[in-house]
Amino acid sequence: MITDYHFYLAAIPAVVLLGLAKGGFAGVGTLAVPLLALVVAPVQAAAITLPILMVQDVISTIAYWRKWDNRNLLILVPSAIIGIVLAFLLAKHVSDAAFYIALGLISAVFGARSLFAKDITPKKAGVPAGIFWGSVAGFTSMIANAGAPPFQLYMLPQRLPREAFVGTSMAFFAIVNWLKLPGFIALGQFTPQNMLTTAVLMPLAIAATGAGIWLVRRTSNERFYKIIYALMILVGLKLLHSGAELLLA
């Protein structure tokens, strides 16, 4: 188990963010791995958080059981598999800086445009868009646990009822996280030290997920979407910052 207190200064807020994300405030969890990466290697950070995410997925999927939108899942899940496979094959050839900057720019601009838009008429997303953004979500989730922004780019314009949006998000990422599991096993990151650290953080993760679910269910539909758009801007700016740091390193 990791005993350095500096690690837990980063890990505790990271786990709380993951819990809020799994409770329904999608996107804020993207900040968790960069936080942990301040104190441990990014791959180790992802390995420590993946079992936490999988337990949180169980809680949130039960909480939003059958609230998901079947059409969106049928489009997004097969597409995500394509993205995950491509991530295995192409990860070594992708510039991390370019990856973060492109994803961050798209997320921040879309979030800002949507947050201040006056026309909020729901738009039915097409299959080609779903295949594209689903693949990107699988790819970015595998590379950096950053699948939420592409997922939101496809889902948010549909303006689904709050629980349908959250339920679809929970079901989609629960499946994606299980699909990512073999890759992390192959990387040999599920060490006794990492898993003991995960076990120590798990009670907080479960409590934070419950808090996230409680908060979402007490937030109006309109306010919920405004919060998600604002979080998307923050995540986009964080990704841009990470990309800029890599360019200047």
C-alpha atoms as a PDB file:
ATOM      1  CA  MET A   1       0.000   0.000   0.000  1.00  0.00           C
ATOM      2  CA  ILE A   2       1.177   3.522  -0.750  1.00  0.00           C
ATOM      3  CA  THR A   3       1.926   5.246   2.578  1.00  0.00           C
ATOM      4  CA  ASP A   4       3.232   8.650   1.429  1.00  0.00           C
ATOM      5  CA  TYR A   5       0.768  11.261   2.736  1.00  0.00           C
ATOM      6  CA  HIS A   6       1.387  13.434  -0.343  1.00  0.00           C
ATOM      7  CA  PHE A   7      -0.311  10.738  -2.402  1.00  0.00           C
ATOM      8  CA  TYR A   8      -3.469  10.913  -0.293  1.00  0.00           C
ATOM      9  CA  LEU A   9      -3.567  14.706  -0.474  1.00  0.00           C
ATOM     10  CA  ALA A  10      -4.165  14.188  -4.195  1.00  0.00           C
ATOM     11  CA  ALA A  11      -6.021  10.858  -4.025  1.00  0.00           C
ATOM     12  CA  ILE A  12      -8.808  11.915  -1.648  1.00  0.00           C
ATOM     13  CA  PRO A  13     -10.102  14.827  -3.781  1.00  0.00           C
ATOM     14  CA  ALA A  14      -9.590  12.693  -6.905  1.00  0.00           C
ATOM     15  CA  VAL A  15     -11.807   9.930  -5.518  1.00  0.00           C
ATOM     16  CA  VAL A  16     -14.454  12.466  -4.469  1.00  0.00           C
ATOM     17  CA  LEU A  17     -14.458  13.856  -8.025  1.00  0.00           C
ATOM     18  CA  LEU A  18     -14.874  10.330  -9.407  1.00  0.00           C
ATOM     19  CA  GLY A  19     -17.797   9.776  -7.068  1.00  0.00           C
ATOM     20  CA  LEU A  20     -19.537  12.986  -8.137  1.00  0.00           C
ATOM     21  CA  ALA A  21     -18.984  12.009 -11.779  1.00  0.00           C
ATOM     22  CA  LYS A  22     -20.422   8.549 -11.235  1.00  0.00           C
ATOM     23  CA  GLY A  23     -23.331  10.105  -9.374  1.00  0.00           C
ATOM     24  CA  GLY A  24     -24.243  11.963 -12.547  1.00  0.00           C
ATOM     25  CA  PHE A  25     -22.067  15.072 -12.877  1.00  0.00           C
ATOM     26  CA  ALA A  26     -20.327  13.605 -15.900  1.00  0.00           C
ATOM     27  CA  GLY A  27     -16.968  15.012 -16.914  1.00  0.00           C
ATOM     28  CA  VAL A  28     -15.632  16.168 -13.563  1.00  0.00           C
ATOM     29  CA  GLY A  29     -14.080  12.711 -13.077  1.00  0.00           C
ATOM     30  CA  THR A  30     -11.728  13.467 -15.966  1.00  0.00           C
ATOM     31  CA  LEU A  31      -9.779  15.626 -13.514  1.00  0.00           C
ATOM     32  CA  ALA A  32      -9.080  12.687 -11.182  1.00  0.00           C
ATOM     33  CA  VAL A  33      -6.253  10.930 -13.051  1.00  0.00           C
ATOM     34  CA  PRO A  34      -4.346  14.190 -13.749  1.00  0.00           C
ATOM     35  CA  LEU A  35      -4.578  14.917 -10.004  1.00  0.00           C
ATOM     36  CA  LEU A  36      -3.149  11.504  -9.134  1.00  0.00           C
ATOM     37  CA  ALA A  37      -0.540  11.846 -11.867  1.00  0.00           C
ATOM     38  CA  LEU A  38       0.979  14.656  -9.796  1.00  0.00           C
ATOM     39  CA  VAL A  39       2.145  12.055  -7.262  1.00  0.00           C
ATOM     40  CA  VAL A  40       2.373   8.735  -9.168  1.00  0.00           C
ATOM     41  CA  ALA A  41       2.940   7.656 -12.774  1.00  0.00           C
ATOM     42  CA  PRO A  42      -0.153   8.156 -14.993  1.00  0.00           C
ATOM     43  CA  VAL A  43      -0.473   4.441 -15.799  1.00  0.00           C
ATOM     44  CA  GLN A  44      -0.292   3.591 -12.087  1.00  0.00           C
ATOM     45  CA  ALA A  45      -2.884   6.294 -11.358  1.00  0.00           C
ATOM     46  CA  ALA A  46      -5.215   4.795 -13.955  1.00  0.00           C
ATOM     47  CA  ALA A  47      -4.682   1.276 -12.561  1.00  0.00           C
ATOM     48  CA  ILE A  48      -5.484   2.393  -8.992  1.00  0.00           C
ATOM     49  CA  THR A  49      -8.656   4.167 -10.098  1.00  0.00           C
ATOM     50  CA  LEU A  50     -10.003   1.551 -12.537  1.00  0.00           C
ATOM     51  CA  PRO A  51     -11.281  -0.889  -9.835  1.00  0.00           C
ATOM     52  CA  ILE A  52     -12.755   2.112  -7.999  1.00  0.00           C
ATOM     53  CA  LEU A  53     -14.547   3.153 -11.179  1.00  0.00           C
ATOM     54  CA  MET A  54     -15.862  -0.372 -11.687  1.00  0.00           C
ATOM     55  CA  VAL A  55     -17.361  -0.515  -8.176  1.00  0.00           C
ATOM     56  CA  GLN A  56     -18.817   2.967  -8.628  1.00  0.00           C
ATOM     57  CA  ASP A  57     -20.240   1.802 -11.975  1.00  0.00           C
ATOM     58  CA  VAL A  58     -22.174  -0.959 -10.202  1.00  0.00           C
ATOM     59  CA  ILE A  59     -23.671   1.510  -7.703  1.00  0.00           C
ATOM     60  CA  SER A  60     -24.602   4.125 -10.286  1.00  0.00           C
ATOM     61  CA  THR A  61     -25.963   1.599 -12.803  1.00  0.00           C
ATOM     62  CA  ILE A  62     -28.248   0.129 -10.119  1.00  0.00           C
ATOM     63  CA  ALA A  63     -29.326   3.643  -9.103  1.00  0.00           C
ATOM     64  CA  TYR A  64     -30.252   4.478 -12.711  1.00  0.00           C
ATOM     65  CA  TRP A  65     -31.348   0.970 -13.710  1.00  0.00           C
ATOM     66  CA  ARG A  66     -33.137   0.950 -17.078  1.00  0.00           C
ATOM     67  CA  LYS A  67     -33.152   4.745 -17.202  1.00  0.00           C
ATOM     68  CA  TRP A  68     -30.678   4.602 -20.089  1.00  0.00           C
ATOM     69  CA  ASP A  69     -31.532   5.242 -23.746  1.00  0.00           C
ATOM     70  CA  ASN A  70     -31.219   1.958 -25.664  1.00  0.00           C
ATOM     71  CA  ARG A  71     -30.779   3.563 -29.087  1.00  0.00           C
ATOM     72  CA  ASN A  72     -27.789   5.582 -27.963  1.00  0.00           C
ATOM     73  CA  LEU A  73     -26.146   2.583 -26.280  1.00  0.00           C
ATOM     74  CA  LEU A  74     -26.618   0.415 -29.381  1.00  0.00           C
ATOM     75  CA  ILE A  75     -24.768   3.074 -31.402  1.00  0.00           C
ATOM     76  CA  LEU A  76     -22.100   4.069 -28.879  1.00  0.00           C
ATOM     77  CA  VAL A  77     -20.939   0.764 -27.340  1.00  0.00           C
ATOM     78  CA  PRO A  78     -19.836  -0.999 -30.575  1.00  0.00           C
ATOM     79  CA  SER A  79     -18.192   2.251 -31.651  1.00  0.00           C
ATOM     80  CA  ALA A  80     -16.313   2.482 -28.355  1.00  0.00           C
ATOM     81  CA  ILE A  81     -14.887  -1.006 -28.938  1.00  0.00           C
ATOM     82  CA  ILE A  82     -13.404   0.288 -32.195  1.00  0.00           C
ATOM     83  CA  GLY A  83     -11.849   3.207 -30.320  1.00  0.00           C
ATOM     84  CA  ILE A  84     -10.384   0.993 -27.585  1.00  0.00           C
ATOM     85  CA  VAL A  85      -8.775  -1.326 -30.147  1.00  0.00           C
ATOM     86  CA  LEU A  86      -7.356   1.651 -32.039  1.00  0.00           C
ATOM     87  CA  ALA A  87      -5.941   2.997 -28.769  1.00  0.00           C
ATOM     88  CA  PHE A  88      -4.027  -0.264 -28.271  1.00  0.00           C
ATOM     89  CA  LEU A  89      -2.675  -0.125 -31.803  1.00  0.00           C
ATOM     90  CA  LEU A  90      -1.938   3.595 -32.171  1.00  0.00           C
ATOM     91  CA  ALA A  91      -1.257   4.928 -28.677  1.00  0.00           C
ATOM     92  CA  LYS A  92       2.519   4.969 -29.170  1.00  0.00           C
ATOM     93  CA  HIS A  93       2.155   7.062 -32.325  1.00  0.00           C
ATOM     94  CA  VAL A  94      -0.189   9.711 -30.901  1.00  0.00           C
ATOM     95  CA  SER A  95       1.294  12.946 -29.604  1.00  0.00           C
ATOM     96  CA  ASP A  96       0.023  13.400 -26.057  1.00  0.00           C
ATOM     97  CA  ALA A  97       0.242  17.176 -26.391  1.00  0.00           C
ATOM     98  CA  ALA A  98      -1.785  17.266 -29.611  1.00  0.00           C
ATOM     99  CA  PHE A  99      -4.295  14.817 -28.127  1.00  0.00           C
ATOM    100  CA  TYR A 100      -4.933  16.927 -25.020  1.00  0.00           C
ATOM    101  CA  ILE A 101      -5.039  20.218 -26.901  1.00  0.00           C
ATOM    102  CA  ALA A 102      -7.485  18.981 -29.558  1.00  0.00           C
ATOM    103  CA  LEU A 103      -9.817  17.355 -27.040  1.00  0.00           C
ATOM    104  CA  GLY A 104      -9.566  20.288 -24.640  1.00  0.00           C
ATOM    105  CA  LEU A 105     -10.291  22.874 -27.339  1.00  0.00           C
ATOM    106  CA  ILE A 106     -13.331  20.990 -28.632  1.00  0.00           C
ATOM    107  CA  SER A 107     -14.675  20.482 -25.108  1.00  0.00           C
ATOM    108  CA  ALA A 108     -14.190  24.078 -23.960  1.00  0.00           C
ATOM    109  CA  VAL A 109     -15.665  25.631 -27.116  1.00  0.00           C
ATOM    110  CA  PHE A 110     -18.659  23.284 -27.189  1.00  0.00           C
ATOM    111  CA  GLY A 111     -19.317  23.761 -23.464  1.00  0.00           C
ATOM    112  CA  ALA A 112     -19.143  27.565 -23.729  1.00  0.00           C
ATOM    113  CA  ARG A 113     -21.313  27.678 -26.845  1.00  0.00           C
ATOM    114  CA  SER A 114     -23.953  25.426 -25.261  1.00  0.00           C
ATOM    115  CA  LEU A 115     -23.901  27.167 -21.883  1.00  0.00           C
ATOM    116  CA  PHE A 116     -24.720  30.556 -23.396  1.00  0.00           C
ATOM    117  CA  ALA A 117     -26.841  29.392 -26.346  1.00  0.00           C
ATOM    118  CA  LYS A 118     -30.384  30.721 -26.566  1.00  0.00           C
ATOM    119  CA  ASP A 119     -31.641  27.965 -28.868  1.00  0.00           C
ATOM    120  CA  ILE A 120     -31.824  24.795 -26.769  1.00  0.00           C
ATOM    121  CA  THR A 121     -34.116  22.828 -29.100  1.00  0.00           C
ATOM    122  CA  PRO A 122     -33.306  19.101 -28.723  1.00  0.00           C
ATOM    123  CA  LYS A 123     -31.533  17.615 -31.719  1.00  0.00           C
ATOM    124  CA  LYS A 124     -31.698  13.934 -32.620  1.00  0.00           C
ATOM    125  CA  ALA A 125     -28.114  12.789 -33.131  1.00  0.00           C
ATOM    126  CA  GLY A 126     -27.486  10.707 -36.216  1.00  0.00           C
ATOM    127  CA  VAL A 127     -25.846   7.303 -36.435  1.00  0.00           C
ATOM    128  CA  PRO A 128     -22.658   8.529 -38.205  1.00  0.00           C
ATOM    129  CA  ALA A 129     -22.091  11.110 -35.445  1.00  0.00           C
ATOM    130  CA  GLY A 130     -22.657   8.428 -32.814  1.00  0.00           C
ATOM    131  CA  ILE A 131     -20.179   6.066 -34.438  1.00  0.00           C
ATOM    132  CA  PHE A 132     -17.571   8.819 -34.646  1.00  0.00           C
ATOM    133  CA  TRP A 133     -17.959  10.193 -31.113  1.00  0.00           C
ATOM    134  CA  GLY A 134     -18.390   6.728 -29.621  1.00  0.00           C
ATOM    135  CA  SER A 135     -15.086   5.660 -31.186  1.00  0.00           C
ATOM    136  CA  VAL A 136     -13.386   8.820 -29.926  1.00  0.00           C
ATOM    137  CA  ALA A 137     -14.819   8.227 -26.434  1.00  0.00           C
ATOM    138  CA  GLY A 138     -13.439   4.671 -26.384  1.00  0.00           C
ATOM    139  CA  PHE A 139     -10.054   5.869 -27.626  1.00  0.00           C
ATOM    140  CA  THR A 140      -9.714   8.756 -25.169  1.00  0.00           C
ATOM    141  CA  SER A 141     -11.001   6.668 -22.264  1.00  0.00           C
ATOM    142  CA  MET A 142      -8.357   4.013 -22.911  1.00  0.00           C
ATOM    143  CA  ILE A 143      -5.551   6.540 -23.371  1.00  0.00           C
ATOM    144  CA  ALA A 144      -6.302   8.938 -20.506  1.00  0.00           C
ATOM    145  CA  ASN A 145      -9.626   8.106 -18.806  1.00  0.00           C
ATOM    146  CA  ALA A 146     -10.996  11.107 -20.721  1.00  0.00           C
ATOM    147  CA  GLY A 147     -13.974   9.580 -22.475  1.00  0.00           C
ATOM    148  CA  ALA A 148     -16.578  11.958 -21.031  1.00  0.00           C
ATOM    149  CA  PRO A 149     -16.049  14.975 -23.341  1.00  0.00           C
ATOM    150  CA  PRO A 150     -16.574  13.036 -26.628  1.00  0.00           C
ATOM    151  CA  PHE A 151     -19.551  11.234 -25.086  1.00  0.00           C
ATOM    152  CA  GLN A 152     -21.064  14.562 -24.074  1.00  0.00           C
ATOM    153  CA  LEU A 153     -20.457  16.094 -27.499  1.00  0.00           C
ATOM    154  CA  TYR A 154     -22.768  13.441 -28.923  1.00  0.00           C
ATOM    155  CA  MET A 155     -25.315  13.215 -26.110  1.00  0.00           C
ATOM    156  CA  LEU A 156     -25.850  16.751 -24.826  1.00  0.00           C
ATOM    157  CA  PRO A 157     -27.469  18.249 -27.980  1.00  0.00           C
ATOM    158  CA  GLN A 158     -30.228  15.639 -27.623  1.00  0.00           C
ATOM    159  CA  ARG A 159     -31.366  17.296 -24.373  1.00  0.00           C
ATOM    160  CA  LEU A 160     -32.619  14.013 -22.945  1.00  0.00           C
ATOM    161  CA  PRO A 161     -34.379  14.054 -19.566  1.00  0.00           C
ATOM    162  CA  ARG A 162     -31.768  14.300 -16.797  1.00  0.00           C
ATOM    163  CA  GLU A 163     -32.082  10.697 -15.618  1.00  0.00           C
ATOM    164  CA  ALA A 164     -32.006   9.321 -19.183  1.00  0.00           C
ATOM    165  CA  PHE A 165     -28.798  11.236 -19.885  1.00  0.00           C
ATOM    166  CA  VAL A 166     -27.186  10.106 -16.620  1.00  0.00           C
ATOM    167  CA  GLY A 167     -28.417   6.520 -16.983  1.00  0.00           C
ATOM    168  CA  THR A 168     -26.991   6.276 -20.497  1.00  0.00           C
ATOM    169  CA  SER A 169     -23.679   7.732 -19.306  1.00  0.00           C
ATOM    170  CA  MET A 170     -23.481   5.273 -16.393  1.00  0.00           C
ATOM    171  CA  ALA A 171     -24.297   2.227 -18.534  1.00  0.00           C
ATOM    172  CA  PHE A 172     -21.930   3.263 -21.335  1.00  0.00           C
ATOM    173  CA  PHE A 173     -18.898   3.854 -19.131  1.00  0.00           C
ATOM    174  CA  ALA A 174     -19.600   0.761 -17.033  1.00  0.00           C
ATOM    175  CA  ILE A 175     -19.263  -1.313 -20.209  1.00  0.00           C
ATOM    176  CA  VAL A 176     -16.231   0.656 -21.423  1.00  0.00           C
ATOM    177  CA  ASN A 177     -14.394   0.177 -18.115  1.00  0.00           C
ATOM    178  CA  TRP A 178     -14.876  -3.601 -18.277  1.00  0.00           C
ATOM    179  CA  LEU A 179     -13.599  -3.559 -21.864  1.00  0.00           C
ATOM    180  CA  LYS A 180     -10.460  -1.730 -20.685  1.00  0.00           C
ATOM    181  CA  LEU A 181      -9.705  -4.277 -17.951  1.00  0.00           C
ATOM    182  CA  PRO A 182      -7.693  -6.777 -20.075  1.00  0.00           C
ATOM    183  CA  GLY A 183      -5.365  -4.007 -21.212  1.00  0.00           C
ATOM    184  CA  PHE A 184      -4.459  -3.005 -17.672  1.00  0.00           C
ATOM    185  CA  ILE A 185      -3.972  -6.652 -16.691  1.00  0.00           C
ATOM    186  CA  ALA A 186      -1.588  -7.023 -19.628  1.00  0.00           C
ATOM    187  CA  LEU A 187       0.322  -3.949 -18.437  1.00  0.00           C
ATOM    188  CA  GLY A 188       0.934  -5.659 -15.061  1.00  0.00           C
ATOM    189  CA  GLN A 189      -0.339  -2.690 -13.067  1.00  0.00           C
ATOM    190  CA  PHE A 190      -2.649  -4.602 -10.707  1.00  0.00           C
ATOM    191  CA  THR A 191       0.132  -5.092  -8.148  1.00  0.00           C
ATOM    192  CA  PRO A 192      -0.503  -5.851  -4.437  1.00  0.00           C
ATOM    193  CA  GLN A 193       0.628  -2.303  -3.562  1.00  0.00           C
ATOM    194  CA  ASN A 194      -1.780  -0.701  -6.023  1.00  0.00           C
ATOM    195  CA  MET A 195      -4.707  -2.935  -5.058  1.00  0.00           C
ATOM    196  CA  LEU A 196      -4.220  -2.326  -1.319  1.00  0.00           C
ATOM    197  CA  THR A 197      -4.199   1.404  -2.033  1.00  0.00           C
ATOM    198  CA  THR A 198      -7.412   0.984  -4.021  1.00  0.00           C
ATOM    199  CA  ALA A 199      -8.992  -0.899  -1.091  1.00  0.00           C
ATOM    200  CA  VAL A 200      -8.152   1.933   1.323  1.00  0.00           C
ATOM    201  CA  LEU A 201      -9.791   4.492  -0.975  1.00  0.00           C
ATOM    202  CA  MET A 202     -12.855   2.369  -1.782  1.00  0.00           C
ATOM    203  CA  PRO A 203     -15.118   3.377   1.173  1.00  0.00           C
ATOM    204  CA  LEU A 204     -14.666   7.054   0.305  1.00  0.00           C
ATOM    205  CA  ALA A 205     -15.379   6.250  -3.352  1.00  0.00           C
ATOM    206  CA  ILE A 206     -18.666   4.541  -2.467  1.00  0.00           C
ATOM    207  CA  ALA A 207     -19.735   7.409  -0.190  1.00  0.00           C
ATOM    208  CA  ALA A 208     -18.867  10.017  -2.843  1.00  0.00           C
ATOM    209  CA  THR A 209     -20.909   8.127  -5.465  1.00  0.00           C
ATOM    210  CA  GLY A 210     -23.919   8.115  -3.165  1.00  0.00           C
ATOM    211  CA  ALA A 211     -23.486  11.836  -2.567  1.00  0.00           C
ATOM    212  CA  GLY A 212     -23.326  12.464  -6.310  1.00  0.00           C
ATOM    213  CA  ILE A 213     -26.550  10.521  -6.919  1.00  0.00           C
ATOM    214  CA  TRP A 214     -28.270  12.424  -4.094  1.00  0.00           C
ATOM    215  CA  LEU A 215     -27.188  15.788  -5.498  1.00  0.00           C
ATOM    216  CA  VAL A 216     -28.195  15.006  -9.082  1.00  0.00           C
ATOM    217  CA  ARG A 217     -31.689  13.943  -8.048  1.00  0.00           C
ATOM    218  CA  ARG A 218     -32.155  17.257  -6.251  1.00  0.00           C
ATOM    219  CA  THR A 219     -31.033  19.355  -9.205  1.00  0.00           C
ATOM    220  CA  SER A 220     -33.575  20.599 -11.770  1.00  0.00           C
ATOM    221  CA  ASN A 221     -33.224  19.475 -15.376  1.00  0.00           C
ATOM    222  CA  GLU A 222     -32.262  22.952 -16.622  1.00  0.00           C
ATOM    223  CA  ARG A 223     -29.761  23.586 -13.834  1.00  0.00           C
ATOM    224  CA  PHE A 224     -28.300  20.111 -14.297  1.00  0.00           C
ATOM    225  CA  TYR A 225     -27.462  20.824 -17.946  1.00  0.00           C
ATOM    226  CA  LYS A 226     -25.952  24.199 -17.092  1.00  0.00           C
ATOM    227  CA  ILE A 227     -23.704  22.501 -14.505  1.00  0.00           C
ATOM    228  CA  ILE A 228     -22.638  19.870 -17.052  1.00  0.00           C
ATOM    229  CA  TYR A 229     -21.792  22.535 -19.647  1.00  0.00           C
ATOM    230  CA  ALA A 230     -19.789  24.488 -17.059  1.00  0.00           C
ATOM    231  CA  LEU A 231     -17.910  21.339 -16.023  1.00  0.00           C
ATOM    232  CA  MET A 232     -17.200  20.632 -19.669  1.00  0.00           C
ATOM    233  CA  ILE A 233     -15.552  24.048 -20.017  1.00  0.00           C
ATOM    234  CA  LEU A 234     -13.406  23.412 -16.919  1.00  0.00           C
ATOM    235  CA  VAL A 235     -12.362  19.970 -18.126  1.00  0.00           C
ATOM    236  CA  GLY A 236     -11.550  21.392 -21.563  1.00  0.00           C
ATOM    237  CA  LEU A 237      -9.367  24.092 -20.012  1.00  0.00           C
ATOM    238  CA  LYS A 238      -7.620  21.467 -17.882  1.00  0.00           C
ATOM    239  CA  LEU A 239      -6.900  19.348 -20.954  1.00  0.00           C
ATOM    240  CA  LEU A 240      -5.574  22.416 -22.801  1.00  0.00           C
ATOM    241  CA  HIS A 241      -3.322  23.185 -19.846  1.00  0.00           C
ATOM    242  CA  SER A 242      -1.990  19.609 -19.817  1.00  0.00           C
ATOM    243  CA  GLY A 243      -1.286  19.773 -23.539  1.00  0.00           C
ATOM    244  CA  ALA A 244       0.509  23.105 -23.232  1.00  0.00           C
ATOM    245  CA  GLU A 245       2.677  21.753 -20.403  1.00  0.00           C
ATOM    246  CA  LEU A 246       3.699  18.790 -22.553  1.00  0.00           C
ATOM    247  CA  LEU A 247       4.557  21.077 -25.473  1.00  0.00           C
ATOM    248  CA  LEU A 248       6.719  23.291 -23.289  1.00  0.00           C
ATOM    249  CA  ALA A 249       8.429  20.453 -21.407  1.00  0.00           C
END
